[in-house]
């Protein structure tokens, strides 16, 4: 027979088990970064950024963004970010900072996303 103390302990365990699991990812602040393709061609975007929950830069890419489309590509944990993009006809958006993206040396340009974690969009406009 279960004592009142054992019943209380079992009820407490059941209640704890029913609490939603909150992972570290649910509590980390990060800024959603979008790539807006304002061209008539598909582009591929790479970035150097600080991922959510980190304080060190990483590089990643190539995210495919169709003509006229806007795509969330990453979450940034800082205001400084670097981008590079290219299309299939030789068009590039690049800068002076060199980074390695999937084994390839890529020239990137700097962007400042501001001091808050509001969504931020990088616009890739037609070269002209």
N, C-alpha and C. Protein backbone atom coordinates (compact mmCIF):
# COMPACT_ATOMS: atom_id res chain seq x y z
N UNK A 1 0.83 -1.17 0.00
CA UNK A 1 0.00 0.00 0.00
C UNK A 1 0.89 1.25 0.00
N UNK A 2 0.47 2.23 -0.81
CA UNK A 2 1.24 3.44 -0.92
C UNK A 2 0.90 4.42 0.20
N UNK A 3 1.94 4.96 0.79
CA UNK A 3 1.73 5.97 1.82
C UNK A 3 1.47 7.31 1.16
N UNK A 4 1.01 8.25 1.92
CA UNK A 4 0.75 9.60 1.41
C UNK A 4 2.04 10.22 0.89
N UNK A 5 3.14 9.97 1.56
CA UNK A 5 4.43 10.51 1.14
C UNK A 5 4.83 9.95 -0.23
N UNK A 6 4.65 8.64 -0.46
CA UNK A 6 4.98 8.03 -1.74
C UNK A 6 4.06 8.53 -2.84
N UNK A 7 2.76 8.67 -2.52
CA UNK A 7 1.81 9.19 -3.51
C UNK A 7 2.19 10.61 -3.93
N UNK A 8 2.60 11.42 -2.98
CA UNK A 8 3.00 12.80 -3.26
C UNK A 8 4.25 12.81 -4.15
N UNK A 9 5.19 11.95 -3.86
CA UNK A 9 6.43 11.88 -4.65
C UNK A 9 6.13 11.44 -6.08
N UNK A 10 5.26 10.47 -6.23
CA UNK A 10 4.89 9.99 -7.57
C UNK A 10 4.18 11.10 -8.34
N UNK A 11 3.27 11.80 -7.70
CA UNK A 11 2.56 12.91 -8.35
C UNK A 11 3.54 14.01 -8.77
N UNK A 12 4.50 14.32 -7.91
CA UNK A 12 5.50 15.34 -8.24
C UNK A 12 6.33 14.93 -9.45
N UNK A 13 6.73 13.67 -9.51
CA UNK A 13 7.49 13.18 -10.66
C UNK A 13 6.66 13.25 -11.95
N UNK A 14 5.40 12.90 -11.86
CA UNK A 14 4.52 12.98 -13.04
C UNK A 14 4.37 14.42 -13.52
N UNK A 15 4.21 15.34 -12.59
CA UNK A 15 4.07 16.74 -12.97
C UNK A 15 5.34 17.27 -13.62
N UNK A 16 6.50 16.91 -13.10
CA UNK A 16 7.76 17.33 -13.69
C UNK A 16 7.90 16.75 -15.10
N UNK A 17 7.50 15.53 -15.28
CA UNK A 17 7.60 14.89 -16.60
C UNK A 17 6.70 15.56 -17.62
N UNK A 18 5.63 16.21 -17.18
CA UNK A 18 4.69 16.84 -18.09
C UNK A 18 5.12 18.26 -18.49
N UNK A 19 6.10 18.85 -17.81
CA UNK A 19 6.57 20.19 -18.14
C UNK A 19 7.27 20.13 -19.49
N UNK A 20 6.97 21.07 -20.39
CA UNK A 20 7.63 21.05 -21.70
C UNK A 20 9.14 21.14 -21.56
N UNK A 21 9.83 20.44 -22.43
CA UNK A 21 11.29 20.45 -22.45
C UNK A 21 11.75 21.76 -23.08
N UNK A 22 12.51 22.54 -22.35
CA UNK A 22 13.05 23.80 -22.87
C UNK A 22 14.54 23.59 -23.06
N UNK A 23 14.95 23.55 -24.30
CA UNK A 23 16.37 23.32 -24.58
C UNK A 23 17.12 24.65 -24.58
N UNK A 24 18.42 24.56 -24.61
CA UNK A 24 19.27 25.75 -24.66
C UNK A 24 18.97 26.57 -25.90
N UNK A 25 18.69 25.91 -27.02
CA UNK A 25 18.38 26.61 -28.27
C UNK A 25 17.15 27.50 -28.14
N UNK A 26 16.22 27.13 -27.26
CA UNK A 26 15.02 27.93 -27.07
C UNK A 26 15.28 29.20 -26.28
N UNK A 27 16.43 29.29 -25.63
CA UNK A 27 16.69 30.44 -24.77
C UNK A 27 17.81 31.34 -25.30
N UNK A 28 18.41 30.98 -26.42
CA UNK A 28 19.52 31.76 -26.98
C UNK A 28 18.97 32.83 -27.92
N UNK A 29 19.42 34.06 -27.74
CA UNK A 29 19.03 35.14 -28.63
C UNK A 29 19.91 35.11 -29.87
N UNK A 30 19.29 35.29 -31.00
CA UNK A 30 20.03 35.37 -32.26
C UNK A 30 19.19 36.13 -33.26
N UNK A 31 19.85 36.74 -34.22
CA UNK A 31 19.20 37.59 -35.20
C UNK A 31 18.98 36.80 -36.49
N UNK A 32 17.71 36.67 -36.93
CA UNK A 32 17.49 36.01 -38.21
C UNK A 32 17.99 36.89 -39.35
N UNK A 33 18.76 36.29 -40.25
CA UNK A 33 19.33 36.99 -41.39
C UNK A 33 18.70 36.44 -42.68
N UNK A 34 18.19 37.34 -43.48
CA UNK A 34 17.53 36.98 -44.75
C UNK A 34 18.37 37.48 -45.92
N UNK A 35 18.34 36.73 -47.02
CA UNK A 35 18.96 37.16 -48.27
C UNK A 35 17.84 37.44 -49.26
N UNK A 36 17.81 38.67 -49.78
CA UNK A 36 16.81 39.09 -50.76
C UNK A 36 17.49 39.17 -52.13
N UNK A 37 17.00 38.37 -53.06
CA UNK A 37 17.55 38.36 -54.41
C UNK A 37 16.69 39.27 -55.29
N UNK A 38 17.19 40.45 -55.60
CA UNK A 38 16.46 41.41 -56.43
C UNK A 38 16.86 41.31 -57.90
N UNK A 39 17.48 40.21 -58.28
CA UNK A 39 17.89 40.03 -59.67
C UNK A 39 16.93 39.09 -60.39
N UNK A 40 17.15 38.93 -61.66
CA UNK A 40 16.33 38.02 -62.46
C UNK A 40 16.94 36.63 -62.58
N UNK A 41 18.03 36.38 -61.83
CA UNK A 41 18.71 35.09 -61.90
C UNK A 41 18.87 34.50 -60.50
N UNK A 42 19.00 33.19 -60.43
CA UNK A 42 19.28 32.52 -59.17
C UNK A 42 20.68 32.93 -58.70
N UNK A 43 20.82 33.17 -57.39
CA UNK A 43 22.12 33.46 -56.80
C UNK A 43 22.40 32.44 -55.71
N UNK A 44 23.68 32.31 -55.38
CA UNK A 44 24.11 31.47 -54.27
C UNK A 44 24.87 32.36 -53.30
N UNK A 45 24.51 32.28 -52.03
CA UNK A 45 25.02 33.19 -51.01
C UNK A 45 25.84 32.41 -49.98
N UNK A 46 26.96 32.99 -49.60
CA UNK A 46 27.79 32.46 -48.51
C UNK A 46 27.95 33.55 -47.46
N UNK A 47 28.25 33.15 -46.23
CA UNK A 47 28.40 34.12 -45.15
C UNK A 47 29.43 33.67 -44.14
N UNK A 48 30.03 34.66 -43.51
CA UNK A 48 30.87 34.44 -42.33
C UNK A 48 30.18 35.18 -41.20
N UNK A 49 29.86 34.47 -40.13
CA UNK A 49 29.00 35.02 -39.08
C UNK A 49 29.26 34.29 -37.77
N UNK A 50 28.67 34.80 -36.70
CA UNK A 50 28.74 34.16 -35.39
C UNK A 50 27.40 33.47 -35.16
N UNK A 51 27.37 32.14 -35.14
CA UNK A 51 26.09 31.45 -34.98
C UNK A 51 25.51 31.61 -33.58
N UNK A 52 24.23 31.37 -33.47
CA UNK A 52 23.54 31.45 -32.18
C UNK A 52 24.24 30.57 -31.15
N UNK A 53 24.43 31.14 -29.95
CA UNK A 53 25.05 30.40 -28.86
C UNK A 53 26.56 30.35 -28.91
N UNK A 54 27.17 31.08 -29.84
CA UNK A 54 28.62 31.04 -30.00
C UNK A 54 29.17 32.46 -29.92
N UNK A 55 30.49 32.55 -29.86
CA UNK A 55 31.15 33.86 -29.93
C UNK A 55 32.30 33.82 -30.92
N UNK A 56 32.33 32.80 -31.79
CA UNK A 56 33.37 32.65 -32.80
C UNK A 56 32.76 32.62 -34.20
N UNK A 57 33.45 33.24 -35.14
CA UNK A 57 32.97 33.26 -36.52
C UNK A 57 33.09 31.88 -37.16
N UNK A 58 32.12 31.57 -38.01
CA UNK A 58 32.14 30.39 -38.86
C UNK A 58 31.78 30.84 -40.28
N UNK A 59 32.09 30.04 -41.25
CA UNK A 59 31.66 30.32 -42.62
C UNK A 59 30.76 29.19 -43.08
N UNK A 60 29.81 29.56 -43.93
CA UNK A 60 28.91 28.56 -44.50
C UNK A 60 28.33 29.10 -45.79
N UNK A 61 27.78 28.25 -46.59
CA UNK A 61 27.16 28.60 -47.86
C UNK A 61 27.15 27.33 -48.69
N UNK A 62 26.63 27.27 -49.72
CA UNK A 62 26.03 28.23 -50.62
C UNK A 62 24.53 28.04 -50.60
N UNK A 63 23.82 29.04 -50.05
CA UNK A 63 22.37 28.98 -50.03
C UNK A 63 21.83 29.46 -51.37
N UNK A 64 20.92 28.71 -51.95
CA UNK A 64 20.33 29.06 -53.24
C UNK A 64 19.11 29.96 -53.01
N UNK A 65 19.13 31.13 -53.67
CA UNK A 65 18.03 32.08 -53.55
C UNK A 65 17.54 32.40 -54.96
N UNK A 66 16.33 32.00 -55.26
CA UNK A 66 15.77 32.20 -56.59
C UNK A 66 15.50 33.66 -56.91
N UNK A 67 15.29 33.97 -58.18
CA UNK A 67 15.02 35.34 -58.61
C UNK A 67 13.81 35.94 -57.87
N UNK A 68 14.00 37.12 -57.32
CA UNK A 68 12.92 37.81 -56.63
C UNK A 68 12.54 37.21 -55.29
N UNK A 69 13.26 36.23 -54.81
CA UNK A 69 12.92 35.54 -53.56
C UNK A 69 13.69 36.10 -52.38
N UNK A 70 13.12 35.89 -51.20
CA UNK A 70 13.77 36.23 -49.94
C UNK A 70 13.82 34.96 -49.11
N UNK A 71 15.00 34.63 -48.58
CA UNK A 71 15.20 33.38 -47.87
C UNK A 71 15.94 33.63 -46.57
N UNK A 72 15.42 33.06 -45.47
CA UNK A 72 16.18 33.12 -44.21
C UNK A 72 17.33 32.13 -44.35
N UNK A 73 18.55 32.64 -44.22
CA UNK A 73 19.70 31.78 -44.43
C UNK A 73 20.41 31.38 -43.14
N UNK A 74 20.29 32.19 -42.08
CA UNK A 74 21.02 31.87 -40.86
C UNK A 74 20.52 32.70 -39.70
N UNK A 75 21.04 32.39 -38.52
CA UNK A 75 20.83 33.20 -37.32
C UNK A 75 22.20 33.70 -36.88
N UNK A 76 22.33 35.01 -36.71
CA UNK A 76 23.59 35.65 -36.36
C UNK A 76 23.57 36.09 -34.90
N UNK A 77 24.70 35.91 -34.22
CA UNK A 77 24.83 36.30 -32.82
C UNK A 77 25.83 37.44 -32.68
N UNK A 78 25.64 38.47 -33.45
CA UNK A 78 26.53 39.62 -33.41
C UNK A 78 26.13 40.59 -34.49
N UNK A 79 26.68 41.77 -34.49
CA UNK A 79 26.25 42.76 -35.48
C UNK A 79 27.10 42.75 -36.73
N UNK A 80 28.26 42.12 -36.70
CA UNK A 80 29.13 42.07 -37.87
C UNK A 80 28.95 40.75 -38.61
N UNK A 81 28.84 40.86 -39.92
CA UNK A 81 28.63 39.68 -40.75
C UNK A 81 29.25 39.97 -42.12
N UNK A 82 29.67 38.93 -42.79
CA UNK A 82 30.32 39.06 -44.10
C UNK A 82 29.56 38.19 -45.10
N UNK A 83 29.43 38.71 -46.33
CA UNK A 83 28.70 38.00 -47.37
C UNK A 83 29.48 37.93 -48.66
N UNK A 84 29.15 36.93 -49.44
CA UNK A 84 29.58 36.81 -50.82
C UNK A 84 28.43 36.14 -51.56
N UNK A 85 28.27 36.48 -52.82
CA UNK A 85 27.23 35.83 -53.62
C UNK A 85 27.69 35.75 -55.07
N UNK A 86 27.08 34.84 -55.79
CA UNK A 86 27.39 34.71 -57.21
C UNK A 86 26.17 34.14 -57.93
N UNK A 87 26.14 34.39 -59.24
CA UNK A 87 25.09 33.80 -60.05
C UNK A 87 25.73 32.89 -61.09
N UNK A 88 24.92 32.23 -61.89
CA UNK A 88 25.45 31.27 -62.85
C UNK A 88 25.99 31.90 -64.13
N UNK A 89 25.95 33.23 -64.22
CA UNK A 89 26.47 33.92 -65.41
C UNK A 89 27.73 34.72 -65.10
N UNK A 90 28.35 34.43 -63.96
CA UNK A 90 29.61 35.09 -63.61
C UNK A 90 29.46 36.33 -62.77
N UNK A 91 28.24 36.74 -62.47
CA UNK A 91 28.03 37.90 -61.60
C UNK A 91 28.41 37.57 -60.17
N UNK A 92 29.09 38.51 -59.50
CA UNK A 92 29.49 38.29 -58.11
C UNK A 92 29.21 39.53 -57.28
N UNK A 93 29.01 39.31 -56.00
CA UNK A 93 28.91 40.36 -54.99
C UNK A 93 29.97 39.97 -53.97
N UNK A 94 31.06 40.72 -53.94
CA UNK A 94 32.17 40.35 -53.07
C UNK A 94 32.87 41.58 -52.54
N UNK A 95 33.80 41.36 -51.63
CA UNK A 95 34.54 42.45 -51.01
C UNK A 95 36.00 42.10 -50.89
N UNK A 96 36.65 42.63 -49.83
CA UNK A 96 38.09 42.49 -49.66
C UNK A 96 38.50 41.45 -48.63
N UNK A 97 37.55 40.96 -47.84
CA UNK A 97 37.87 39.98 -46.80
C UNK A 97 37.80 38.58 -47.40
N UNK A 98 38.87 37.81 -47.22
CA UNK A 98 38.90 36.46 -47.78
C UNK A 98 38.56 35.45 -46.69
N UNK A 99 37.68 34.52 -47.03
CA UNK A 99 37.28 33.45 -46.12
C UNK A 99 37.23 32.14 -46.89
N UNK A 100 37.30 31.05 -46.17
CA UNK A 100 37.19 29.72 -46.77
C UNK A 100 35.75 29.22 -46.59
N UNK A 101 35.09 28.96 -47.70
CA UNK A 101 33.72 28.43 -47.66
C UNK A 101 33.74 27.08 -48.36
N UNK A 102 33.57 26.03 -47.58
CA UNK A 102 33.56 24.67 -48.11
C UNK A 102 34.80 24.39 -48.98
N UNK A 103 35.97 24.83 -48.46
CA UNK A 103 37.24 24.58 -49.13
C UNK A 103 37.60 25.56 -50.24
N UNK A 104 36.78 26.55 -50.46
CA UNK A 104 37.01 27.52 -51.54
C UNK A 104 37.30 28.89 -50.95
N UNK A 105 38.35 29.57 -51.45
CA UNK A 105 38.64 30.94 -51.03
C UNK A 105 37.64 31.88 -51.67
N UNK A 106 36.98 32.68 -50.84
CA UNK A 106 35.91 33.57 -51.29
C UNK A 106 36.15 34.96 -50.73
N UNK A 107 35.96 35.97 -51.58
CA UNK A 107 36.05 37.36 -51.13
C UNK A 107 34.68 37.80 -50.61
N UNK A 108 34.67 38.36 -49.40
CA UNK A 108 33.42 38.75 -48.76
C UNK A 108 33.41 40.23 -48.42
N UNK A 109 32.20 40.80 -48.39
CA UNK A 109 32.04 42.18 -47.97
C UNK A 109 31.38 42.22 -46.60
N UNK A 110 31.69 43.27 -45.85
CA UNK A 110 31.20 43.44 -44.48
C UNK A 110 29.83 44.11 -44.46
N UNK A 111 29.01 43.70 -43.51
CA UNK A 111 27.74 44.38 -43.24
C UNK A 111 27.58 44.49 -41.73
N UNK A 112 26.96 45.56 -41.31
CA UNK A 112 26.67 45.81 -39.89
C UNK A 112 25.16 45.68 -39.73
N UNK A 113 24.72 44.70 -38.97
CA UNK A 113 23.28 44.45 -38.82
C UNK A 113 22.64 45.23 -37.69
N UNK A 114 23.44 46.03 -36.99
CA UNK A 114 22.89 46.86 -35.91
C UNK A 114 22.97 46.18 -34.56
N UNK A 115 22.63 46.94 -33.51
CA UNK A 115 22.83 46.47 -32.14
C UNK A 115 21.70 45.59 -31.58
N UNK A 116 20.67 45.32 -32.36
CA UNK A 116 19.55 44.54 -31.82
C UNK A 116 19.43 43.20 -32.54
N UNK A 117 18.46 42.42 -32.12
CA UNK A 117 18.25 41.11 -32.72
C UNK A 117 17.03 41.07 -33.62
N UNK A 118 16.62 42.22 -34.14
CA UNK A 118 15.50 42.25 -35.09
C UNK A 118 15.91 41.57 -36.39
N UNK A 119 14.97 40.97 -37.11
CA UNK A 119 15.30 40.38 -38.40
C UNK A 119 15.99 41.40 -39.31
N UNK A 120 16.95 40.95 -40.08
CA UNK A 120 17.75 41.82 -40.93
C UNK A 120 17.89 41.18 -42.30
N UNK A 121 17.83 41.99 -43.36
CA UNK A 121 17.89 41.48 -44.72
C UNK A 121 19.04 42.11 -45.49
N UNK A 122 19.81 41.26 -46.16
CA UNK A 122 20.83 41.71 -47.09
C UNK A 122 20.23 41.65 -48.49
N UNK A 123 20.30 42.77 -49.22
CA UNK A 123 19.72 42.85 -50.56
C UNK A 123 20.81 42.67 -51.60
N UNK A 124 20.58 41.76 -52.52
CA UNK A 124 21.47 41.57 -53.66
C UNK A 124 20.75 42.13 -54.88
N UNK A 125 21.26 43.28 -55.37
CA UNK A 125 20.64 44.00 -56.48
C UNK A 125 21.38 43.70 -57.78
N UNK A 126 20.70 43.88 -58.91
CA UNK A 126 21.35 43.64 -60.20
C UNK A 126 22.60 44.50 -60.35
N UNK A 127 23.60 43.94 -60.97
CA UNK A 127 24.81 44.69 -61.26
C UNK A 127 24.53 45.59 -62.45
N UNK A 128 25.01 46.80 -62.37
CA UNK A 128 24.60 47.65 -63.43
C UNK A 128 25.49 48.60 -64.00
